[in-house]
Amino acid sequence: MPNVDACQELADQIRSLLREGIELSREVVEFIDSTYASPTAEELLTILNSESDSDRDTLLELIFSPDEHLQEKIEPLLTRHVFSLQSETTVLDLLKNQVPEAALIFPDARGRVAVIPPAWIIESMVSQLHISRQFPAALSTTIVESLRQPLRNRVRVRFRNLKADLTDPQIDCLCRYLSAADSQQASFFSNLNFLAQFLDGLNGGLDIYEALMQHKRTCRFHLQQALKQEKALAESNLETLLMRGERILHFDKDGLMRDIAAIDAISLAVFGKTEALLPKESTIQLGEYRDREDLNRLIKFLSES
């Protein structure tokens, strides 16, 4: 049986957060403005109340998809109590019995508007909070021992949103990273986010270190292709390259470099080693990346190779 008091407390907190307001993200505002020609706050309310509008349901889903900032606010309550799938149903029933009014806040001068979301959108929102997901004991212990607030809640939310259940080797990998990495480093959470996403999409039977190295080799290859393409475009115009039959590919060069740096930092923290990207005979050491200068040296090497 669900803890009714805990369910009531969670429902009250969700209701309070909605009344406090949801600040519309840049992506949501771009969707609103491109779809409805930059409506005022009052015009947005009319749109949201119009069941005949074909884009209205999509807009509601975008607005009420809970972001990690909102999730971090309810995470302490989820940590104190154990919520089951039945608890989720109880929380939902409590919210439907007294449908909460939500304030939507534009980040610009349009201000805010109050709307009562339909029951189905409340149901969708609650399901996306993953309140019944329980962390493996080893991971919960490591989070408490290795991190301080508010980072502790931020990390919990990140793991709560994983799509797949983690295998024992993946849990061990995350625990070792949390224990070994310096949480004060600016790259700590972005590296952890990369690792969580990587593991979430990884076949559970694969060797994690080898999978990371293979991804690193792929990033290196794409980075080299990006640099070659940049050089070709500098020497010829786009039309000439297309007439030659060359394909113009789009690479996120900065993203590739960030992934390479993240893989090195994670591999060194978890496994105590990483694979160099350069030929063995090279005298340049780029196995570990500490700053932009190291990444620039990699760019220079690949540009000349």
Protein backbone atom coordinates (compact mmCIF):
# COMPACT_ATOMS: atom_id res chain seq x y z
CA MET A 1 0.00 0.00 0.00
CA PRO A 2 1.28 3.49 -0.83
CA ASN A 3 2.14 5.88 1.95
CA VAL A 4 -0.89 8.17 1.68
CA ASP A 5 0.69 10.99 3.68
CA ALA A 6 3.78 10.96 1.45
CA CYS A 7 1.60 10.89 -1.66
CA GLN A 8 -0.40 13.86 -0.37
CA GLU A 9 2.81 15.75 0.42
CA LEU A 10 4.13 15.11 -3.09
CA ALA A 11 0.84 16.12 -4.72
CA ASP A 12 0.81 19.33 -2.66
CA GLN A 13 4.38 20.11 -3.66
CA ILE A 14 3.68 19.57 -7.35
CA ARG A 15 0.59 21.78 -7.06
CA SER A 16 2.65 24.47 -5.31
CA LEU A 17 5.39 24.36 -7.96
CA LEU A 18 2.84 24.77 -10.73
CA ARG A 19 1.26 27.76 -8.97
CA GLU A 20 4.73 29.22 -8.46
CA GLY A 21 5.18 29.10 -12.20
CA ILE A 22 6.78 27.34 -15.14
CA GLU A 23 9.22 29.55 -16.98
CA LEU A 24 8.87 28.85 -20.69
CA SER A 25 12.14 27.66 -22.17
CA ARG A 26 13.74 29.17 -25.24
CA GLU A 27 12.71 26.12 -27.29
CA VAL A 28 9.08 26.39 -26.17
CA VAL A 29 8.95 30.13 -26.88
CA GLU A 30 10.43 29.55 -30.35
CA PHE A 31 7.71 26.95 -31.03
CA ILE A 32 4.98 29.33 -29.79
CA ASP A 33 6.25 32.28 -31.79
CA SER A 34 6.83 30.34 -35.01
CA THR A 35 3.48 28.53 -34.80
CA TYR A 36 1.28 31.37 -33.53
CA ALA A 37 3.09 34.52 -34.71
CA SER A 38 4.37 35.70 -31.32
CA PRO A 39 1.12 35.79 -29.33
CA THR A 40 0.62 37.84 -26.19
CA ALA A 41 0.17 36.06 -22.87
CA GLU A 42 -3.61 36.50 -23.15
CA GLU A 43 -3.61 35.14 -26.70
CA LEU A 44 -1.61 32.13 -25.52
CA LEU A 45 -4.28 31.40 -22.91
CA THR A 46 -6.94 31.41 -25.65
CA ILE A 47 -4.81 28.99 -27.69
CA LEU A 48 -4.36 26.61 -24.77
CA ASN A 49 -8.10 26.62 -24.05
CA SER A 50 -9.01 25.88 -27.67
CA GLU A 51 -9.52 22.14 -28.06
CA SER A 52 -9.97 22.52 -31.83
CA ASP A 53 -6.42 23.81 -32.37
CA SER A 54 -4.34 21.08 -34.04
CA ASP A 55 -1.07 22.17 -32.43
CA ARG A 56 -2.48 22.78 -28.98
CA ASP A 57 -1.80 19.30 -27.56
CA THR A 58 1.81 19.37 -28.78
CA LEU A 59 2.27 22.77 -27.16
CA LEU A 60 0.81 21.55 -23.86
CA GLU A 61 3.18 18.56 -23.88
CA LEU A 62 6.16 20.86 -24.48
CA ILE A 63 5.15 23.26 -21.70
CA PHE A 64 4.38 20.62 -19.07
CA SER A 65 7.24 18.24 -19.75
CA PRO A 66 9.04 18.57 -16.40
CA ASP A 67 12.58 19.90 -16.65
CA GLU A 68 15.39 18.83 -14.35
CA HIS A 69 15.15 22.08 -12.37
CA LEU A 70 11.60 21.19 -11.29
CA GLN A 71 12.60 17.59 -10.63
CA GLU A 72 15.44 18.69 -8.37
CA LYS A 73 12.91 20.49 -6.17
CA ILE A 74 10.91 17.32 -5.49
CA GLU A 75 13.92 14.97 -5.31
CA PRO A 76 14.43 15.37 -1.51
CA LEU A 77 10.88 14.09 -0.96
CA LEU A 78 11.45 11.16 -3.34
CA THR A 79 14.62 10.32 -1.43
CA ARG A 80 12.88 10.33 1.98
CA HIS A 81 10.04 8.04 0.92
CA VAL A 82 9.62 4.96 -1.25
CA PHE A 83 7.07 5.52 -4.01
CA SER A 84 5.65 2.61 -6.02
CA LEU A 85 3.68 2.48 -9.26
CA GLN A 86 0.56 2.42 -7.08
CA SER A 87 1.83 5.56 -5.34
CA GLU A 88 2.04 7.25 -8.73
CA THR A 89 -1.62 6.47 -9.30
CA THR A 90 -2.49 7.86 -5.86
CA VAL A 91 -0.57 11.10 -6.49
CA LEU A 92 -2.30 11.46 -9.85
CA ASP A 93 -5.75 10.94 -8.31
CA LEU A 94 -5.01 13.57 -5.66
CA LEU A 95 -4.01 16.07 -8.33
CA LYS A 96 -7.04 15.29 -10.50
CA ASN A 97 -9.37 15.77 -7.54
CA GLN A 98 -8.13 19.32 -7.27
CA VAL A 99 -6.68 20.22 -10.66
CA PRO A 100 -3.82 22.64 -10.03
CA GLU A 101 -3.65 26.04 -11.70
CA ALA A 102 -0.31 26.62 -13.40
CA ALA A 103 1.37 29.95 -14.04
CA LEU A 104 3.24 30.13 -17.35
CA ILE A 105 6.02 32.71 -17.37
CA PHE A 106 7.44 34.20 -20.54
CA PRO A 107 11.18 35.04 -20.29
CA ASP A 108 10.46 38.36 -22.04
CA ALA A 109 8.15 41.32 -21.42
CA ARG A 110 4.97 39.35 -22.14
CA GLY A 111 4.77 38.42 -18.47
CA ARG A 112 2.75 35.51 -17.18
CA VAL A 113 -0.60 33.83 -17.59
CA ALA A 114 -2.51 31.31 -15.46
CA VAL A 115 -3.93 28.17 -17.04
CA ILE A 116 -5.67 25.05 -15.73
CA PRO A 117 -4.06 22.10 -17.56
CA PRO A 118 -6.29 19.23 -18.72
CA ALA A 119 -6.21 16.01 -16.69
CA TRP A 120 -4.38 14.09 -19.41
CA ILE A 121 -1.45 16.51 -19.34
CA ILE A 122 -1.18 16.15 -15.54
CA GLU A 123 -1.06 12.39 -16.04
CA SER A 124 1.70 12.77 -18.63
CA MET A 125 3.68 15.10 -16.38
CA VAL A 126 3.49 12.81 -13.34
CA SER A 127 4.60 9.81 -15.39
CA GLN A 128 7.68 11.74 -16.55
CA LEU A 129 8.75 12.38 -12.94
CA HIS A 130 9.63 8.66 -12.56
CA ILE A 131 8.77 8.78 -8.87
CA SER A 132 8.70 5.00 -8.54
CA ARG A 133 12.23 4.47 -9.86
CA GLN A 134 14.53 3.15 -7.14
CA PHE A 135 18.30 3.45 -7.29
CA PRO A 136 20.56 0.45 -6.71
CA ALA A 137 21.87 0.47 -3.13
CA ALA A 138 25.51 0.83 -4.24
CA LEU A 139 24.70 3.88 -6.37
CA SER A 140 22.63 5.54 -3.63
CA THR A 141 25.44 5.04 -1.11
CA THR A 142 28.10 6.39 -3.47
CA ILE A 143 26.05 9.51 -4.25
CA VAL A 144 25.73 10.30 -0.54
CA GLU A 145 29.39 9.58 0.22
CA SER A 146 30.86 11.39 -2.80
CA LEU A 147 28.67 14.45 -3.38
CA ARG A 148 27.24 17.38 -1.51
CA GLN A 149 23.99 19.24 -2.08
CA PRO A 150 22.72 20.59 -4.42
CA LEU A 151 24.84 18.46 -6.76
CA ARG A 152 23.61 15.30 -5.02
CA ASN A 153 20.00 15.95 -6.04
CA ARG A 154 21.04 17.00 -9.53
CA VAL A 155 22.85 13.70 -10.06
CA ARG A 156 19.93 11.70 -8.65
CA VAL A 157 17.57 13.38 -11.11
CA ARG A 158 19.91 12.59 -13.98
CA PHE A 159 19.91 8.90 -13.06
CA ARG A 160 16.16 8.93 -12.42
CA ASN A 161 15.61 9.96 -16.05
CA LEU A 162 17.60 7.10 -17.58
CA LYS A 163 15.56 5.06 -20.02
CA ALA A 164 17.12 1.67 -19.37
CA ASP A 165 17.84 -0.27 -16.20
CA LEU A 166 21.56 -0.35 -15.48
CA THR A 167 23.53 -3.58 -15.41
CA ASP A 168 25.86 -4.38 -12.50
CA PRO A 169 29.01 -3.43 -14.52
CA GLN A 170 27.37 -0.13 -15.51
CA ILE A 171 26.43 0.62 -11.90
CA ASP A 172 29.98 -0.17 -10.86
CA CYS A 173 31.32 2.15 -13.58
CA LEU A 174 29.14 5.04 -12.40
CA CYS A 175 30.08 4.44 -8.75
CA ARG A 176 33.77 4.42 -9.58
CA TYR A 177 33.47 7.65 -11.56
CA LEU A 178 31.55 9.38 -8.75
CA SER A 179 34.12 8.22 -6.21
CA ALA A 180 37.24 9.10 -8.22
CA ALA A 181 36.31 12.25 -10.15
CA ASP A 182 36.63 15.73 -8.67
CA SER A 183 33.07 17.05 -8.35
CA GLN A 184 34.45 20.60 -8.07
CA GLN A 185 35.77 20.52 -11.63
CA ALA A 186 33.65 22.47 -14.11
CA SER A 187 33.50 19.46 -16.41
CA PHE A 188 32.35 17.01 -13.71
CA PHE A 189 28.61 17.07 -14.40
CA SER A 190 28.92 17.33 -18.19
CA ASN A 191 31.23 14.30 -18.13
CA LEU A 192 28.82 12.43 -15.86
CA ASN A 193 25.97 13.37 -18.17
CA PHE A 194 27.94 11.99 -21.13
CA LEU A 195 28.65 8.76 -19.25
CA ALA A 196 25.02 8.33 -18.19
CA GLN A 197 23.78 8.83 -21.76
CA PHE A 198 26.49 6.54 -23.11
CA LEU A 199 25.62 3.72 -20.70
CA ASP A 200 21.90 4.25 -21.26
CA GLY A 201 22.33 3.49 -24.95
CA LEU A 202 24.93 0.74 -24.54
CA ASN A 203 24.26 -2.96 -25.01
CA GLY A 204 24.54 -4.38 -21.51
CA GLY A 205 26.91 -7.16 -22.59
CA LEU A 206 29.58 -4.92 -24.11
CA ASP A 207 32.90 -4.17 -22.42
CA ILE A 208 32.53 -0.58 -21.22
CA TYR A 209 36.16 0.45 -21.61
CA GLU A 210 36.41 -0.94 -25.14
CA ALA A 211 33.08 0.67 -26.07
CA LEU A 212 34.38 4.04 -24.85
CA MET A 213 37.58 3.64 -26.84
CA GLN A 214 35.67 2.67 -29.97
CA HIS A 215 33.52 5.77 -29.59
CA LYS A 216 36.68 7.82 -29.13
CA ARG A 217 38.15 6.41 -32.37
CA THR A 218 34.90 7.27 -34.18
CA CYS A 219 35.03 10.82 -32.83
CA ARG A 220 38.63 11.13 -33.95
CA PHE A 221 37.72 9.94 -37.46
CA HIS A 222 34.82 12.38 -37.74
CA LEU A 223 36.96 15.20 -36.36
CA GLN A 224 39.61 14.48 -38.99
CA GLN A 225 36.92 14.48 -41.69
CA ALA A 226 35.63 17.83 -40.41
CA LEU A 227 39.09 19.37 -40.55
CA LYS A 228 39.73 18.06 -44.06
CA GLN A 229 36.42 19.49 -45.18
CA GLU A 230 37.24 22.84 -43.58
CA LYS A 231 40.55 22.90 -45.46
CA ALA A 232 38.86 22.01 -48.75
CA LEU A 233 36.25 24.74 -48.29
CA ALA A 234 39.00 27.25 -47.54
CA GLU A 235 40.77 26.36 -50.79
CA SER A 236 37.64 26.06 -53.00
CA ASN A 237 34.08 27.30 -52.86
CA LEU A 238 31.10 25.11 -52.07
CA GLU A 239 29.84 25.02 -55.65
CA THR A 240 33.19 23.70 -56.94
CA LEU A 241 33.25 20.90 -54.37
CA LEU A 242 29.69 19.91 -55.23
CA MET A 243 30.53 19.87 -58.96
CA ARG A 244 33.37 17.46 -58.15
CA GLY A 245 30.82 15.16 -56.57
CA GLU A 246 32.16 15.65 -53.05
CA ARG A 247 29.69 15.24 -50.21
CA ILE A 248 29.41 18.11 -47.77
CA LEU A 249 28.86 16.67 -44.31
CA HIS A 250 27.92 18.58 -41.19
CA PHE A 251 30.09 17.92 -38.14
CA ASP A 252 29.87 19.40 -34.67
CA LYS A 253 33.60 19.88 -34.23
CA ASP A 254 33.34 21.33 -30.73
CA GLY A 255 30.99 18.53 -29.72
CA LEU A 256 33.41 15.91 -31.01
CA MET A 257 36.25 17.46 -29.03
CA ARG A 258 34.09 17.58 -25.90
CA ASP A 259 33.26 13.90 -26.30
CA ILE A 260 36.92 12.98 -26.69
CA ALA A 261 37.83 14.99 -23.60
CA ALA A 262 34.96 13.44 -21.63
CA ILE A 263 35.95 9.91 -22.62
CA ASP A 264 39.53 10.51 -21.48
CA ALA A 265 38.49 12.02 -18.15
CA ILE A 266 36.05 9.16 -17.49
CA SER A 267 38.44 6.42 -18.57
CA LEU A 268 41.26 7.76 -16.42
CA ALA A 269 38.98 8.09 -13.39
CA VAL A 270 37.29 4.70 -13.75
CA PHE A 271 39.90 2.48 -15.40
CA GLY A 272 43.14 4.36 -14.72
CA LYS A 273 44.04 4.41 -18.41
CA THR A 274 42.99 5.70 -21.79
CA GLU A 275 43.97 5.06 -25.39
CA ALA A 276 46.11 7.68 -27.14
CA LEU A 277 44.73 8.90 -30.45
CA LEU A 278 48.11 9.53 -32.03
CA PRO A 279 50.40 7.04 -33.77
CA LYS A 280 52.85 5.26 -31.47
CA GLU A 281 55.82 6.93 -33.15
CA SER A 282 54.43 10.40 -32.42
CA THR A 283 56.23 12.39 -29.73
CA ILE A 284 53.09 14.40 -28.95
CA GLN A 285 51.25 13.17 -25.86
CA LEU A 286 47.51 13.75 -26.02
CA GLY A 287 46.14 10.84 -24.04
CA GLU A 288 44.59 13.14 -21.44
CA TYR A 289 43.05 16.53 -22.18
CA ARG A 290 43.19 19.13 -19.46
CA ASP A 291 42.33 22.35 -21.28
CA ARG A 292 41.62 24.03 -24.61
CA GLU A 293 45.33 24.19 -25.42
CA ASP A 294 45.55 20.39 -25.41
CA LEU A 295 42.53 20.17 -27.70
CA ASN A 296 44.04 22.76 -30.03
CA ARG A 297 47.17 20.62 -30.28
CA LEU A 298 45.00 17.70 -31.33
CA ILE A 299 43.34 19.86 -33.97
CA LYS A 300 46.74 20.96 -35.27
CA PHE A 301 48.00 17.38 -35.48
CA LEU A 302 44.91 16.07 -37.28
CA SER A 303 44.96 19.04 -39.68
CA GLU A 304 48.48 18.15 -40.73
CA SER A 305 48.00 14.38 -40.87
